[in-house]
Amino acid sequence: MTYFESHANNTVEIDGIQFEPMMSERVLQIPLKRPGTQTQLQFGIQITNNRAKKNIG
């Protein structure tokens, strides 16, 4: 199981729907550009409905 850190300062709310990015690390180290080098990143998004009525369809 991977721990995801909330970055609430990057949270956006549109029409009562809140979008919050979740990342496993705050700072991502990018290696020098070399053939075959890869950098993996785990990214998620938490969506919260803050509306009084449900948003259906």
C-alpha atoms as a PDB file:
ATOM      1  CA  MET A   1       0.000   0.000   0.000  1.00  0.00           C
ATOM      2  CA  THR A   2       1.338   3.422  -0.959  1.00  0.00           C
ATOM      3  CA  TYR A   3       0.900   6.456   1.242  1.00  0.00           C
ATOM      4  CA  PHE A   4      -0.396   9.512  -0.613  1.00  0.00           C
ATOM      5  CA  GLU A   5       0.130  12.988   0.776  1.00  0.00           C
ATOM      6  CA  SER A   6      -2.585  15.605   0.425  1.00  0.00           C
ATOM      7  CA  HIS A   7      -1.633  18.910  -1.166  1.00  0.00           C
ATOM      8  CA  ALA A   8      -4.625  20.937  -0.025  1.00  0.00           C
ATOM      9  CA  ASN A   9      -3.048  24.203  -1.196  1.00  0.00           C
ATOM     10  CA  ASN A  10      -3.556  22.919  -4.778  1.00  0.00           C
ATOM     11  CA  THR A  11      -7.219  22.052  -4.201  1.00  0.00           C
ATOM     12  CA  VAL A  12      -9.692  23.446  -6.745  1.00  0.00           C
ATOM     13  CA  GLU A  13     -13.460  23.656  -6.296  1.00  0.00           C
ATOM     14  CA  ILE A  14     -15.786  24.036  -9.292  1.00  0.00           C
ATOM     15  CA  ASP A  15     -19.557  24.260  -8.834  1.00  0.00           C
ATOM     16  CA  GLY A  16     -19.322  22.632  -5.408  1.00  0.00           C
ATOM     17  CA  ILE A  17     -17.133  19.733  -6.590  1.00  0.00           C
ATOM     18  CA  GLN A  18     -13.683  19.738  -4.967  1.00  0.00           C
ATOM     19  CA  PHE A  19     -10.622  18.251  -6.732  1.00  0.00           C
ATOM     20  CA  GLU A  20      -7.539  17.562  -4.610  1.00  0.00           C
ATOM     21  CA  PRO A  21      -4.294  16.146  -6.041  1.00  0.00           C
ATOM     22  CA  MET A  22      -2.633  13.343  -4.074  1.00  0.00           C
ATOM     23  CA  MET A  23       1.023  12.469  -4.663  1.00  0.00           C
ATOM     24  CA  SER A  24       3.315   9.905  -3.066  1.00  0.00           C
ATOM     25  CA  GLU A  25       6.150  12.462  -2.821  1.00  0.00           C
ATOM     26  CA  ARG A  26       6.175  16.261  -2.635  1.00  0.00           C
ATOM     27  CA  VAL A  27       9.461  16.605  -4.578  1.00  0.00           C
ATOM     28  CA  LEU A  28      10.241  14.419  -7.564  1.00  0.00           C
ATOM     29  CA  GLN A  29      13.902  13.837  -8.398  1.00  0.00           C
ATOM     30  CA  ILE A  30      14.412  13.718 -12.175  1.00  0.00           C
ATOM     31  CA  PRO A  31      17.633  11.964 -13.222  1.00  0.00           C
ATOM     32  CA  LEU A  32      19.870  13.166 -16.027  1.00  0.00           C
ATOM     33  CA  LYS A  33      18.591  12.360 -19.499  1.00  0.00           C
ATOM     34  CA  ARG A  34      20.071   9.016 -20.473  1.00  0.00           C
ATOM     35  CA  PRO A  35      18.743   6.390 -22.863  1.00  0.00           C
ATOM     36  CA  GLY A  36      16.592   3.860 -21.034  1.00  0.00           C
ATOM     37  CA  THR A  37      16.260   5.959 -17.858  1.00  0.00           C
ATOM     38  CA  GLN A  38      12.760   6.124 -16.394  1.00  0.00           C
ATOM     39  CA  THR A  39      11.166   8.048 -13.541  1.00  0.00           C
ATOM     40  CA  GLN A  40       8.025   6.634 -11.966  1.00  0.00           C
ATOM     41  CA  LEU A  41       5.396   8.821 -10.350  1.00  0.00           C
ATOM     42  CA  GLN A  42       2.268   7.789  -8.499  1.00  0.00           C
ATOM     43  CA  PHE A  43      -0.492  10.369  -8.742  1.00  0.00           C
ATOM     44  CA  GLY A  44      -4.076  10.331  -7.566  1.00  0.00           C
ATOM     45  CA  ILE A  45      -6.968  12.732  -7.266  1.00  0.00           C
ATOM     46  CA  GLN A  46      -9.584  12.920  -4.533  1.00  0.00           C
ATOM     47  CA  ILE A  47     -12.989  14.209  -5.641  1.00  0.00           C
ATOM     48  CA  THR A  48     -15.440  15.508  -3.014  1.00  0.00           C
ATOM     49  CA  ASN A  49     -19.011  16.615  -3.669  1.00  0.00           C
ATOM     50  CA  ASN A  50     -19.694  19.647  -1.427  1.00  0.00           C
ATOM     51  CA  ARG A  51     -23.050  20.475  -3.022  1.00  0.00           C
ATOM     52  CA  ALA A  52     -26.292  20.349  -1.068  1.00  0.00           C
ATOM     53  CA  LYS A  53     -27.836  18.317  -3.929  1.00  0.00           C
ATOM     54  CA  LYS A  54     -26.158  15.409  -5.657  1.00  0.00           C
ATOM     55  CA  ASN A  55     -24.810  16.134  -9.131  1.00  0.00           C
ATOM     56  CA  ILE A  56     -26.443  13.437 -11.291  1.00  0.00           C
ATOM     57  CA  GLY A  57     -26.080  13.302 -15.076  1.00  0.00           C
END
